[in-house]
Amino acid sequence: MQRIVIVEEDKLMRDLLAEWLSAEGYSVRAVASGDIQLKDKADLVIVDVYMPRRGGLSRLRELQAANPQTPIIAISGQFRPGLTGPCKTAREFGAHQVIAKPFTRRDLIAAVHDVIGPVH
């Protein structure tokens, strides 16, 4: 089973993303940023990038350093509306894809499928 770790400060958003991905058959572990300890092997990390304090960018760099082979999808309300997919912004952040909040379940599932594929 493919394992996804969600790093999201907002509990409601964290729970919603976990629900959506679990319903698709993924094994999901959702944590707040202070709880980041990716001791478990993950096939994908979805991380909220909170831009005003640059905390999200340093969080992204920490995740990449600790898990260089694990793909990352960055999500943020600070990205411009409609920004999704693999693009220059994703590369600049070191992520495989970015998704601007708000996004739909379909947007999230499509991004996950693009990066790690559907559950087998």
PDB file of N, CA and C in Angstrom:
ATOM      1  N   MET A   1       0.845  -1.181   0.000  1.00  0.00           N
ATOM      2  CA  MET A   1       0.000   0.000   0.000  1.00  0.00           C
ATOM      3  C   MET A   1       0.888   1.242   0.000  1.00  0.00           C
ATOM      4  N   GLN A   2       0.533   2.210  -0.816  1.00  0.00           N
ATOM      5  CA  GLN A   2       1.315   3.435  -0.906  1.00  0.00           C
ATOM      6  C   GLN A   2       1.042   4.321   0.302  1.00  0.00           C
ATOM      7  N   ARG A   3       2.126   4.840   0.878  1.00  0.00           N
ATOM      8  CA  ARG A   3       2.022   5.633   2.110  1.00  0.00           C
ATOM      9  C   ARG A   3       2.251   7.101   1.823  1.00  0.00           C
ATOM     10  N   ILE A   4       1.346   7.920   2.364  1.00  0.00           N
ATOM     11  CA  ILE A   4       1.422   9.369   2.189  1.00  0.00           C
ATOM     12  C   ILE A   4       1.460  10.024   3.560  1.00  0.00           C
ATOM     13  N   VAL A   5       2.371  10.981   3.715  1.00  0.00           N
ATOM     14  CA  VAL A   5       2.406  11.801   4.922  1.00  0.00           C
ATOM     15  C   VAL A   5       1.931  13.193   4.535  1.00  0.00           C
ATOM     16  N   ILE A   6       0.983  13.704   5.310  1.00  0.00           N
ATOM     17  CA  ILE A   6       0.462  15.063   5.116  1.00  0.00           C
ATOM     18  C   ILE A   6       0.995  15.919   6.252  1.00  0.00           C
ATOM     19  N   VAL A   7       1.620  17.045   5.921  1.00  0.00           N
ATOM     20  CA  VAL A   7       2.109  17.991   6.918  1.00  0.00           C
ATOM     21  C   VAL A   7       1.309  19.273   6.722  1.00  0.00           C
ATOM     22  N   GLU A   8       0.375  19.509   7.635  1.00  0.00           N
ATOM     23  CA  GLU A   8      -0.570  20.630   7.511  1.00  0.00           C
ATOM     24  C   GLU A   8      -0.893  21.151   8.902  1.00  0.00           C
ATOM     25  N   GLU A   9      -0.766  22.456   9.098  1.00  0.00           N
ATOM     26  CA  GLU A   9      -1.044  23.074  10.396  1.00  0.00           C
ATOM     27  C   GLU A   9      -2.525  23.012  10.778  1.00  0.00           C
ATOM     28  N   ASP A  10      -3.378  23.313   9.836  1.00  0.00           N
ATOM     29  CA  ASP A  10      -4.810  23.413  10.104  1.00  0.00           C
ATOM     30  C   ASP A  10      -5.423  22.020  10.257  1.00  0.00           C
ATOM     31  N   LYS A  11      -5.947  21.742  11.442  1.00  0.00           N
ATOM     32  CA  LYS A  11      -6.491  20.410  11.726  1.00  0.00           C
ATOM     33  C   LYS A  11      -7.637  20.032  10.794  1.00  0.00           C
ATOM     34  N   LEU A  12      -8.542  20.965  10.516  1.00  0.00           N
ATOM     35  CA  LEU A  12      -9.663  20.655   9.625  1.00  0.00           C
ATOM     36  C   LEU A  12      -9.172  20.286   8.233  1.00  0.00           C
ATOM     37  N   MET A  13      -8.216  21.052   7.715  1.00  0.00           N
ATOM     38  CA  MET A  13      -7.670  20.754   6.389  1.00  0.00           C
ATOM     39  C   MET A  13      -6.907  19.433   6.419  1.00  0.00           C
ATOM     40  N   ARG A  14      -6.129  19.218   7.460  1.00  0.00           N
ATOM     41  CA  ARG A  14      -5.361  17.981   7.616  1.00  0.00           C
ATOM     42  C   ARG A  14      -6.300  16.774   7.606  1.00  0.00           C
ATOM     43  N   ASP A  15      -7.378  16.855   8.378  1.00  0.00           N
ATOM     44  CA  ASP A  15      -8.341  15.753   8.446  1.00  0.00           C
ATOM     45  C   ASP A  15      -9.048  15.538   7.111  1.00  0.00           C
ATOM     46  N   LEU A  16      -9.394  16.634   6.429  1.00  0.00           N
ATOM     47  CA  LEU A  16     -10.068  16.521   5.135  1.00  0.00           C
ATOM     48  C   LEU A  16      -9.166  15.841   4.109  1.00  0.00           C
ATOM     49  N   LEU A  17      -7.904  16.274   4.031  1.00  0.00           N
ATOM     50  CA  LEU A  17      -6.979  15.663   3.074  1.00  0.00           C
ATOM     51  C   LEU A  17      -6.767  14.184   3.386  1.00  0.00           C
ATOM     52  N   ALA A  18      -6.641  13.866   4.666  1.00  0.00           N
ATOM     53  CA  ALA A  18      -6.478  12.466   5.067  1.00  0.00           C
ATOM     54  C   ALA A  18      -7.707  11.645   4.671  1.00  0.00           C
ATOM     55  N   GLU A  19      -8.888  12.212   4.871  1.00  0.00           N
ATOM     56  CA  GLU A  19     -10.124  11.513   4.499  1.00  0.00           C
ATOM     57  C   GLU A  19     -10.174  11.260   2.997  1.00  0.00           C
ATOM     58  N   TRP A  20      -9.882  12.278   2.204  1.00  0.00           N
ATOM     59  CA  TRP A  20      -9.910  12.136   0.749  1.00  0.00           C
ATOM     60  C   TRP A  20      -8.939  11.052   0.288  1.00  0.00           C
ATOM     61  N   LEU A  21      -7.718  11.089   0.804  1.00  0.00           N
ATOM     62  CA  LEU A  21      -6.700  10.141   0.345  1.00  0.00           C
ATOM     63  C   LEU A  21      -6.954   8.728   0.861  1.00  0.00           C
ATOM     64  N   SER A  22      -7.434   8.614   2.083  1.00  0.00           N
ATOM     65  CA  SER A  22      -7.777   7.299   2.638  1.00  0.00           C
ATOM     66  C   SER A  22      -8.895   6.654   1.825  1.00  0.00           C
ATOM     67  N   ALA A  23      -9.869   7.455   1.403  1.00  0.00           N
ATOM     68  CA  ALA A  23     -10.980   6.944   0.601  1.00  0.00           C
ATOM     69  C   ALA A  23     -10.498   6.404  -0.743  1.00  0.00           C
ATOM     70  N   GLU A  24      -9.352   6.900  -1.203  1.00  0.00           N
ATOM     71  CA  GLU A  24      -8.763   6.412  -2.459  1.00  0.00           C
ATOM     72  C   GLU A  24      -7.928   5.147  -2.245  1.00  0.00           C
ATOM     73  N   GLY A  25      -7.748   4.766  -0.969  1.00  0.00           N
ATOM     74  CA  GLY A  25      -7.014   3.546  -0.664  1.00  0.00           C
ATOM     75  C   GLY A  25      -5.578   3.749  -0.212  1.00  0.00           C
ATOM     76  N   TYR A  26      -5.133   4.991  -0.075  1.00  0.00           N
ATOM     77  CA  TYR A  26      -3.775   5.256   0.392  1.00  0.00           C
ATOM     78  C   TYR A  26      -3.700   5.104   1.904  1.00  0.00           C
ATOM     79  N   SER A  27      -2.544   4.715   2.389  1.00  0.00           N
ATOM     80  CA  SER A  27      -2.265   4.713   3.819  1.00  0.00           C
ATOM     81  C   SER A  27      -1.777   6.125   4.149  1.00  0.00           C
ATOM     82  N   VAL A  28      -2.453   6.805   5.075  1.00  0.00           N
ATOM     83  CA  VAL A  28      -2.180   8.216   5.322  1.00  0.00           C
ATOM     84  C   VAL A  28      -1.809   8.453   6.779  1.00  0.00           C
ATOM     85  N   ARG A  29      -0.775   9.249   6.972  1.00  0.00           N
ATOM     86  CA  ARG A  29      -0.428   9.756   8.295  1.00  0.00           C
ATOM     87  C   ARG A  29      -0.410  11.267   8.171  1.00  0.00           C
ATOM     88  N   ALA A  30      -1.229  11.946   8.970  1.00  0.00           N
ATOM     89  CA  ALA A  30      -1.333  13.397   8.914  1.00  0.00           C
ATOM     90  C   ALA A  30      -0.794  13.997  10.201  1.00  0.00           C
ATOM     91  N   VAL A  31       0.089  14.994  10.062  1.00  0.00           N
ATOM     92  CA  VAL A  31       0.726  15.610  11.220  1.00  0.00           C
ATOM     93  C   VAL A  31       0.747  17.125  11.069  1.00  0.00           C
ATOM     94  N   ALA A  32       0.830  17.820  12.209  1.00  0.00           N
ATOM     95  CA  ALA A  32       1.088  19.257  12.200  1.00  0.00           C
ATOM     96  C   ALA A  32       2.588  19.431  11.982  1.00  0.00           C
ATOM     97  N   SER A  33       3.019  20.599  11.555  1.00  0.00           N
ATOM     98  CA  SER A  33       4.432  20.785  11.211  1.00  0.00           C
ATOM     99  C   SER A  33       5.360  20.537  12.388  1.00  0.00           C
ATOM    100  N   GLY A  34       4.919  20.818  13.599  1.00  0.00           N
ATOM    101  CA  GLY A  34       5.758  20.575  14.764  1.00  0.00           C
ATOM    102  C   GLY A  34       5.988  19.105  15.033  1.00  0.00           C
ATOM    103  N   ASP A  35       5.184  18.249  14.397  1.00  0.00           N
ATOM    104  CA  ASP A  35       5.282  16.805  14.616  1.00  0.00           C
ATOM    105  C   ASP A  35       6.055  16.088  13.521  1.00  0.00           C
ATOM    106  N   ILE A  36       6.771  16.847  12.693  1.00  0.00           N
ATOM    107  CA  ILE A  36       7.489  16.226  11.579  1.00  0.00           C
ATOM    108  C   ILE A  36       8.632  15.371  12.110  1.00  0.00           C
ATOM    109  N   GLN A  37       8.515  14.118  11.871  1.00  0.00           N
ATOM    110  CA  GLN A  37       9.575  13.147  12.117  1.00  0.00           C
ATOM    111  C   GLN A  37       9.293  11.996  11.180  1.00  0.00           C
ATOM    112  N   LEU A  38       9.806  12.081  10.000  1.00  0.00           N
ATOM    113  CA  LEU A  38       9.492  11.071   9.000  1.00  0.00           C
ATOM    114  C   LEU A  38      10.367   9.836   9.177  1.00  0.00           C
ATOM    115  N   LYS A  39      10.168   9.192  10.316  1.00  0.00           N
ATOM    116  CA  LYS A  39      10.894   7.947  10.572  1.00  0.00           C
ATOM    117  C   LYS A  39      10.329   6.837   9.705  1.00  0.00           C
ATOM    118  N   ASP A  40       9.023   6.914   9.463  1.00  0.00           N
ATOM    119  CA  ASP A  40       8.380   5.922   8.614  1.00  0.00           C
ATOM    120  C   ASP A  40       8.704   6.238   7.161  1.00  0.00           C
ATOM    121  N   LYS A  41       8.865   5.206   6.370  1.00  0.00           N
ATOM    122  CA  LYS A  41       9.069   5.389   4.939  1.00  0.00           C
ATOM    123  C   LYS A  41       7.772   5.893   4.329  1.00  0.00           C
ATOM    124  N   ALA A  42       7.872   6.935   3.541  1.00  0.00           N
ATOM    125  CA  ALA A  42       6.696   7.471   2.850  1.00  0.00           C
ATOM    126  C   ALA A  42       6.962   7.429   1.353  1.00  0.00           C
ATOM    127  N   ASP A  43       5.901   7.204   0.587  1.00  0.00           N
ATOM    128  CA  ASP A  43       6.002   7.236  -0.865  1.00  0.00           C
ATOM    129  C   ASP A  43       5.779   8.648  -1.400  1.00  0.00           C
ATOM    130  N   LEU A  44       5.151   9.495  -0.568  1.00  0.00           N
ATOM    131  CA  LEU A  44       4.844  10.871  -0.950  1.00  0.00           C
ATOM    132  C   LEU A  44       4.638  11.694   0.310  1.00  0.00           C
ATOM    133  N   VAL A  45       5.097  12.949   0.274  1.00  0.00           N
ATOM    134  CA  VAL A  45       4.811  13.896   1.335  1.00  0.00           C
ATOM    135  C   VAL A  45       4.059  15.064   0.715  1.00  0.00           C
ATOM    136  N   ILE A  46       2.943  15.415   1.336  1.00  0.00           N
ATOM    137  CA  ILE A  46       2.179  16.608   0.941  1.00  0.00           C
ATOM    138  C   ILE A  46       2.370  17.610   2.058  1.00  0.00           C
ATOM    139  N   VAL A  47       2.925  18.766   1.745  1.00  0.00           N
ATOM    140  CA  VAL A  47       3.274  19.732   2.787  1.00  0.00           C
ATOM    141  C   VAL A  47       2.683  21.106   2.471  1.00  0.00           C
ATOM    142  N   ASP A  48       2.081  21.702   3.497  1.00  0.00           N
ATOM    143  CA  ASP A  48       1.579  23.060   3.384  1.00  0.00           C
ATOM    144  C   ASP A  48       2.761  24.010   3.506  1.00  0.00           C
ATOM    145  N   VAL A  49       2.886  24.892   2.543  1.00  0.00           N
ATOM    146  CA  VAL A  49       3.974  25.868   2.549  1.00  0.00           C
ATOM    147  C   VAL A  49       3.381  27.210   2.943  1.00  0.00           C
ATOM    148  N   TYR A  50       3.583  27.581   4.196  1.00  0.00           N
ATOM    149  CA  TYR A  50       3.073  28.844   4.706  1.00  0.00           C
ATOM    150  C   TYR A  50       4.125  29.904   4.428  1.00  0.00           C
ATOM    151  N   MET A  51       3.824  30.792   3.512  1.00  0.00           N
ATOM    152  CA  MET A  51       4.832  31.697   2.985  1.00  0.00           C
ATOM    153  C   MET A  51       5.181  32.929   3.830  1.00  0.00           C
ATOM    154  N   PRO A  52       4.252  33.597   4.485  1.00  0.00           N
ATOM    155  CA  PRO A  52       4.616  34.882   5.101  1.00  0.00           C
ATOM    156  C   PRO A  52       5.834  34.835   6.013  1.00  0.00           C
ATOM    157  N   ARG A  53       5.995  33.785   6.764  1.00  0.00           N
ATOM    158  CA  ARG A  53       7.161  33.699   7.646  1.00  0.00           C
ATOM    159  C   ARG A  53       8.252  32.808   7.083  1.00  0.00           C
ATOM    160  N   ARG A  54       8.108  32.371   5.883  1.00  0.00           N
ATOM    161  CA  ARG A  54       9.072  31.486   5.234  1.00  0.00           C
ATOM    162  C   ARG A  54       9.253  30.165   5.969  1.00  0.00           C
ATOM    163  N   GLY A  55       8.385  29.883   6.923  1.00  0.00           N
ATOM    164  CA  GLY A  55       8.472  28.623   7.643  1.00  0.00           C
ATOM    165  C   GLY A  55       8.268  27.433   6.739  1.00  0.00           C
ATOM    166  N   GLY A  56       7.378  27.578   5.792  1.00  0.00           N
ATOM    167  CA  GLY A  56       7.085  26.474   4.885  1.00  0.00           C
ATOM    168  C   GLY A  56       8.255  26.114   4.003  1.00  0.00           C
ATOM    169  N   LEU A  57       8.986  27.119   3.561  1.00  0.00           N
ATOM    170  CA  LEU A  57      10.135  26.856   2.703  1.00  0.00           C
ATOM    171  C   LEU A  57      11.222  26.114   3.471  1.00  0.00           C
ATOM    172  N   SER A  58      11.480  26.522   4.715  1.00  0.00           N
ATOM    173  CA  SER A  58      12.490  25.798   5.501  1.00  0.00           C
ATOM    174  C   SER A  58      11.988  24.393   5.834  1.00  0.00           C
ATOM    175  N   ARG A  59      10.675  24.250   6.054  1.00  0.00           N
ATOM    176  CA  ARG A  59      10.083  22.936   6.305  1.00  0.00           C
ATOM    177  C   ARG A  59      10.295  22.032   5.094  1.00  0.00           C
ATOM    178  N   LEU A  60      10.081  22.594   3.913  1.00  0.00           N
ATOM    179  CA  LEU A  60      10.270  21.835   2.681  1.00  0.00           C
ATOM    180  C   LEU A  60      11.716  21.377   2.549  1.00  0.00           C
ATOM    181  N   ARG A  61      12.644  22.263   2.825  1.00  0.00           N
ATOM    182  CA  ARG A  61      14.071  21.926   2.731  1.00  0.00           C
ATOM    183  C   ARG A  61      14.454  20.831   3.742  1.00  0.00           C
ATOM    184  N   GLU A  62      13.906  20.907   4.950  1.00  0.00           N
ATOM    185  CA  GLU A  62      14.169  19.881   5.959  1.00  0.00           C
ATOM    186  C   GLU A  62      13.662  18.519   5.488  1.00  0.00           C
ATOM    187  N   LEU A  63      12.445  18.520   4.941  1.00  0.00           N
ATOM    188  CA  LEU A  63      11.865  17.266   4.452  1.00  0.00           C
ATOM    189  C   LEU A  63      12.699  16.686   3.316  1.00  0.00           C
ATOM    190  N   GLN A  64      13.150  17.554   2.414  1.00  0.00           N
ATOM    191  CA  GLN A  64      13.963  17.084   1.293  1.00  0.00           C
ATOM    192  C   GLN A  64      15.293  16.515   1.770  1.00  0.00           C
ATOM    193  N   ALA A  65      15.909  17.188   2.733  1.00  0.00           N
ATOM    194  CA  ALA A  65      17.197  16.728   3.247  1.00  0.00           C
ATOM    195  C   ALA A  65      17.059  15.376   3.945  1.00  0.00           C
ATOM    196  N   ALA A  66      15.984  15.218   4.705  1.00  0.00           N
ATOM    197  CA  ALA A  66      15.774  13.975   5.447  1.00  0.00           C
ATOM    198  C   ALA A  66      15.301  12.833   4.550  1.00  0.00           C
ATOM    199  N   ASN A  67      14.663  13.171   3.445  1.00  0.00           N
ATOM    200  CA  ASN A  67      14.064  12.160   2.562  1.00  0.00           C
ATOM    201  C   ASN A  67      14.307  12.523   1.102  1.00  0.00           C
ATOM    202  N   PRO A  68      15.545  12.494   0.647  1.00  0.00           N
ATOM    203  CA  PRO A  68      15.852  12.993  -0.696  1.00  0.00           C
ATOM    204  C   PRO A  68      15.171  12.240  -1.838  1.00  0.00           C
ATOM    205  N   GLN A  69      14.786  11.004  -1.623  1.00  0.00           N
ATOM    206  CA  GLN A  69      14.162  10.223  -2.693  1.00  0.00           C
ATOM    207  C   GLN A  69      12.638  10.298  -2.675  1.00  0.00           C
ATOM    208  N   THR A  70      12.065  10.931  -1.648  1.00  0.00           N
ATOM    209  CA  THR A  70      10.609  10.975  -1.508  1.00  0.00           C
ATOM    210  C   THR A  70      10.051  12.195  -2.233  1.00  0.00           C
ATOM    211  N   PRO A  71       9.124  11.990  -3.171  1.00  0.00           N
ATOM    212  CA  PRO A  71       8.536  13.134  -3.859  1.00  0.00           C
ATOM    213  C   PRO A  71       7.660  13.962  -2.918  1.00  0.00           C
ATOM    214  N   ILE A  72       7.575  15.254  -3.239  1.00  0.00           N
ATOM    215  CA  ILE A  72       6.816  16.194  -2.418  1.00  0.00           C
ATOM    216  C   ILE A  72       5.826  16.956  -3.291  1.00  0.00           C
ATOM    217  N   ILE A  73       4.614  17.118  -2.758  1.00  0.00           N
ATOM    218  CA  ILE A  73       3.630  18.036  -3.340  1.00  0.00           C
ATOM    219  C   ILE A  73       3.481  19.173  -2.342  1.00  0.00           C
ATOM    220  N   ALA A  74       3.717  20.399  -2.795  1.00  0.00           N
ATOM    221  CA  ALA A  74       3.576  21.576  -1.941  1.00  0.00           C
ATOM    222  C   ALA A  74       2.209  22.198  -2.176  1.00  0.00           C
ATOM    223  N   ILE A  75       1.507  22.498  -1.072  1.00  0.00           N
ATOM    224  CA  ILE A  75       0.213  23.168  -1.166  1.00  0.00           C
ATOM    225  C   ILE A  75       0.295  24.480  -0.392  1.00  0.00           C
ATOM    226  N   SER A  76      -0.430  25.499  -0.850  1.00  0.00           N
ATOM    227  CA  SER A  76      -0.395  26.769  -0.132  1.00  0.00           C
ATOM    228  C   SER A  76      -1.514  27.693  -0.584  1.00  0.00           C
ATOM    229  N   GLY A  77      -2.035  28.422   0.366  1.00  0.00           N
ATOM    230  CA  GLY A  77      -2.987  29.484   0.062  1.00  0.00           C
ATOM    231  C   GLY A  77      -2.280  30.712  -0.487  1.00  0.00           C
ATOM    232  N   GLN A  78      -0.960  30.717  -0.434  1.00  0.00           N
ATOM    233  CA  GLN A  78      -0.170  31.840  -0.923  1.00  0.00           C
ATOM    234  C   GLN A  78       0.198  31.703  -2.398  1.00  0.00           C
ATOM    235  N   PHE A  79       0.022  30.501  -2.969  1.00  0.00           N
ATOM    236  CA  PHE A  79       0.251  30.340  -4.400  1.00  0.00           C
ATOM    237  C   PHE A  79      -0.879  31.024  -5.150  1.00  0.00           C
ATOM    238  N   ARG A  80      -0.620  31.454  -6.363  1.00  0.00           N
ATOM    239  CA  ARG A  80      -1.670  32.140  -7.124  1.00  0.00           C
ATOM    240  C   ARG A  80      -2.766  31.157  -7.513  1.00  0.00           C
ATOM    241  N   PRO A  81      -4.014  31.616  -7.530  1.00  0.00           N
ATOM    242  CA  PRO A  81      -5.135  30.740  -7.881  1.00  0.00           C
ATOM    243  C   PRO A  81      -4.897  30.061  -9.230  1.00  0.00           C
ATOM    244  N   GLY A  82      -5.258  28.811  -9.296  1.00  0.00           N
ATOM    245  CA  GLY A  82      -5.130  28.059 -10.536  1.00  0.00           C
ATOM    246  C   GLY A  82      -3.772  27.414 -10.735  1.00  0.00           C
ATOM    247  N   LEU A  83      -2.811  27.697  -9.837  1.00  0.00           N
ATOM    248  CA  LEU A  83      -1.485  27.116  -9.975  1.00  0.00           C
ATOM    249  C   LEU A  83      -1.523  25.658  -9.522  1.00  0.00           C
ATOM    250  N   THR A  84      -1.304  24.765 -10.441  1.00  0.00           N
ATOM    251  CA  THR A  84      -1.256  23.341 -10.120  1.00  0.00           C
ATOM    252  C   THR A  84      -0.268  22.660 -11.044  1.00  0.00           C
ATOM    253  N   GLY A  85       0.209  21.521 -10.598  1.00  0.00           N
ATOM    254  CA  GLY A  85       1.010  20.672 -11.452  1.00  0.00           C
ATOM    255  C   GLY A  85       2.500  20.911 -11.357  1.00  0.00           C
ATOM    256  N   PRO A  86       3.240  20.185 -12.196  1.00  0.00           N
ATOM    257  CA  PRO A  86       4.684  20.370 -12.251  1.00  0.00           C
ATOM    258  C   PRO A  86       4.972  21.642 -13.046  1.00  0.00           C
ATOM    259  N   CYS A  87       5.658  22.584 -12.469  1.00  0.00           N
ATOM    260  CA  CYS A  87       5.899  23.858 -13.130  1.00  0.00           C
ATOM    261  C   CYS A  87       7.161  24.488 -12.555  1.00  0.00           C
ATOM    262  N   LYS A  88       7.497  25.662 -13.051  1.00  0.00           N
ATOM    263  CA  LYS A  88       8.688  26.366 -12.581  1.00  0.00           C
ATOM    264  C   LYS A  88       8.626  26.608 -11.076  1.00  0.00           C
ATOM    265  N   THR A  89       7.451  26.985 -10.562  1.00  0.00           N
ATOM    266  CA  THR A  89       7.311  27.231  -9.127  1.00  0.00           C
ATOM    267  C   THR A  89       7.603  25.961  -8.339  1.00  0.00           C
ATOM    268  N   ALA A  90       7.102  24.843  -8.804  1.00  0.00           N
ATOM    269  CA  ALA A  90       7.359  23.569  -8.118  1.00  0.00           C
ATOM    270  C   ALA A  90       8.856  23.293  -8.081  1.00  0.00           C
ATOM    271  N   ARG A  91       9.512  23.460  -9.203  1.00  0.00           N
ATOM    272  CA  ARG A  91      10.958  23.214  -9.255  1.00  0.00           C
ATOM    273  C   ARG A  91      11.708  24.158  -8.316  1.00  0.00           C
ATOM    274  N   GLU A  92      11.287  25.425  -8.273  1.00  0.00           N
ATOM    275  CA  GLU A  92      11.941  26.399  -7.395  1.00  0.00           C
ATOM    276  C   GLU A  92      11.806  25.993  -5.930  1.00  0.00           C
ATOM    277  N   PHE A  93      10.695  25.376  -5.584  1.00  0.00           N
ATOM    278  CA  PHE A  93      10.475  24.931  -4.223  1.00  0.00           C
ATOM    279  C   PHE A  93      11.053  23.540  -3.965  1.00  0.00           C
ATOM    280  N   GLY A  94      11.531  22.894  -5.011  1.00  0.00           N
ATOM    281  CA  GLY A  94      12.063  21.552  -4.843  1.00  0.00           C
ATOM    282  C   GLY A  94      10.975  20.503  -4.729  1.00  0.00           C
ATOM    283  N   ALA A  95       9.783  20.854  -5.157  1.00  0.00           N
ATOM    284  CA  ALA A  95       8.654  19.927  -5.093  1.00  0.00           C
ATOM    285  C   ALA A  95       8.387  19.355  -6.487  1.00  0.00           C
ATOM    286  N   HIS A  96       7.702  18.229  -6.518  1.00  0.00           N
ATOM    287  CA  HIS A  96       7.328  17.641  -7.797  1.00  0.00           C
ATOM    288  C   HIS A  96       6.134  18.356  -8.403  1.00  0.00           C
ATOM    289  N   GLN A  97       5.245  18.805  -7.518  1.00  0.00           N
ATOM    290  CA  GLN A  97       4.073  19.553  -7.966  1.00  0.00           C
ATOM    291  C   GLN A  97       3.686  20.553  -6.897  1.00  0.00           C
ATOM    292  N   VAL A  98       2.924  21.559  -7.316  1.00  0.00           N
ATOM    293  CA  VAL A  98       2.343  22.513  -6.374  1.00  0.00           C
ATOM    294  C   VAL A  98       0.842  22.591  -6.641  1.00  0.00           C
ATOM    295  N   ILE A  99       0.106  22.903  -5.584  1.00  0.00           N
ATOM    296  CA  ILE A  99      -1.340  23.095  -5.709  1.00  0.00           C
ATOM    297  C   ILE A  99      -1.705  24.324  -4.887  1.00  0.00           C
ATOM    298  N   ALA A 100      -2.403  25.269  -5.526  1.00  0.00           N
ATOM    299  CA  ALA A 100      -2.863  26.462  -4.820  1.00  0.00           C
ATOM    300  C   ALA A 100      -4.156  26.146  -4.081  1.00  0.00           C
ATOM    301  N   LYS A 101      -4.230  26.616  -2.835  1.00  0.00           N
ATOM    302  CA  LYS A 101      -5.481  26.507  -2.074  1.00  0.00           C
ATOM    303  C   LYS A 101      -6.358  27.675  -2.466  1.00  0.00           C
ATOM    304  N   PRO A 102      -7.640  27.526  -2.518  1.00  0.00           N
ATOM    305  CA  PRO A 102      -8.377  26.285  -2.289  1.00  0.00           C
ATOM    306  C   PRO A 102      -8.304  25.389  -3.520  1.00  0.00           C
ATOM    307  N   PHE A 103      -8.396  24.099  -3.280  1.00  0.00           N
ATOM    308  CA  PHE A 103      -8.405  23.133  -4.369  1.00  0.00           C
ATOM    309  C   PHE A 103      -9.469  22.089  -4.085  1.00  0.00           C
ATOM    310  N   THR A 104      -9.796  21.333  -5.112  1.00  0.00           N
ATOM    311  CA  THR A 104     -10.838  20.315  -4.986  1.00  0.00           C
ATOM    312  C   THR A 104     -10.210  18.948  -4.720  1.00  0.00           C
ATOM    313  N   ARG A 105     -11.065  18.046  -4.320  1.00  0.00           N
ATOM    314  CA  ARG A 105     -10.634  16.658  -4.138  1.00  0.00           C
ATOM    315  C   ARG A 105     -10.037  16.127  -5.441  1.00  0.00           C
ATOM    316  N   ARG A 106     -10.682  16.435  -6.530  1.00  0.00           N
ATOM    317  CA  ARG A 106     -10.209  15.985  -7.846  1.00  0.00           C
ATOM    318  C   ARG A 106      -8.800  16.516  -8.135  1.00  0.00           C
ATOM    319  N   ASP A 107      -8.540  17.804  -7.792  1.00  0.00           N
ATOM    320  CA  ASP A 107      -7.202  18.383  -7.986  1.00  0.00           C
ATOM    321  C   ASP A 107      -6.150  17.608  -7.200  1.00  0.00           C
ATOM    322  N   LEU A 108      -6.474  17.320  -5.951  1.00  0.00           N
ATOM    323  CA  LEU A 108      -5.529  16.616  -5.081  1.00  0.00           C
ATOM    324  C   LEU A 108      -5.262  15.205  -5.595  1.00  0.00           C
ATOM    325  N   ILE A 109      -6.319  14.480  -5.886  1.00  0.00           N
ATOM    326  CA  ILE A 109      -6.163  13.090  -6.334  1.00  0.00           C
ATOM    327  C   ILE A 109      -5.409  13.044  -7.663  1.00  0.00           C
ATOM    328  N   ALA A 110      -5.686  13.971  -8.557  1.00  0.00           N
ATOM    329  CA  ALA A 110      -4.976  14.008  -9.845  1.00  0.00           C
ATOM    330  C   ALA A 110      -3.487  14.253  -9.630  1.00  0.00           C
ATOM    331  N   ALA A 111      -3.146  15.159  -8.719  1.00  0.00           N
ATOM    332  CA  ALA A 111      -1.734  15.438  -8.431  1.00  0.00           C
ATOM    333  C   ALA A 111      -1.048  14.209  -7.838  1.00  0.00           C
ATOM    334  N   VAL A 112      -1.710  13.544  -6.904  1.00  0.00           N
ATOM    335  CA  VAL A 112      -1.140  12.349  -6.283  1.00  0.00           C
ATOM    336  C   VAL A 112      -0.945  11.255  -7.334  1.00  0.00           C
ATOM    337  N   HIS A 113      -1.945  11.050  -8.179  1.00  0.00           N
ATOM    338  CA  HIS A 113      -1.832  10.047  -9.237  1.00  0.00           C
ATOM    339  C   HIS A 113      -0.675  10.378 -10.180  1.00  0.00           C
ATOM    340  N   ASP A 114      -0.498  11.674 -10.506  1.00  0.00           N
ATOM    341  CA  ASP A 114       0.595  12.075 -11.390  1.00  0.00           C
ATOM    342  C   ASP A 114       1.965  11.781 -10.780  1.00  0.00           C
ATOM    343  N   VAL A 115       2.056  11.924  -9.465  1.00  0.00           N
ATOM    344  CA  VAL A 115       3.358  11.762  -8.809  1.00  0.00           C
ATOM    345  C   VAL A 115       3.658  10.311  -8.432  1.00  0.00           C
ATOM    346  N   ILE A 116       2.712   9.624  -7.809  1.00  0.00           N
ATOM    347  CA  ILE A 116       2.989   8.237  -7.370  1.00  0.00           C
ATOM    348  C   ILE A 116       2.050   7.194  -7.953  1.00  0.00           C
ATOM    349  N   GLY A 117       1.050   7.647  -8.700  1.00  0.00           N
ATOM    350  CA  GLY A 117       0.131   6.719  -9.320  1.00  0.00           C
ATOM    351  C   GLY A 117      -1.021   6.335  -8.397  1.00  0.00           C
ATOM    352  N   PRO A 118      -2.046   5.710  -8.959  1.00  0.00           N
ATOM    353  CA  PRO A 118      -3.178   5.255  -8.151  1.00  0.00           C
ATOM    354  C   PRO A 118      -2.787   4.064  -7.291  1.00  0.00           C
ATOM    355  N   VAL A 119      -3.618   3.773  -6.308  1.00  0.00           N
ATOM    356  CA  VAL A 119      -3.386   2.603  -5.456  1.00  0.00           C
ATOM    357  C   VAL A 119      -3.559   1.360  -6.305  1.00  0.00           C
ATOM    358  N   HIS A 120      -2.659   0.413  -6.117  1.00  0.00           N
ATOM    359  CA  HIS A 120      -2.700  -0.834  -6.923  1.00  0.00           C
ATOM    360  C   HIS A 120      -3.629  -1.832  -6.291  1.00  0.00           C
TER     361      HIS A 120
END
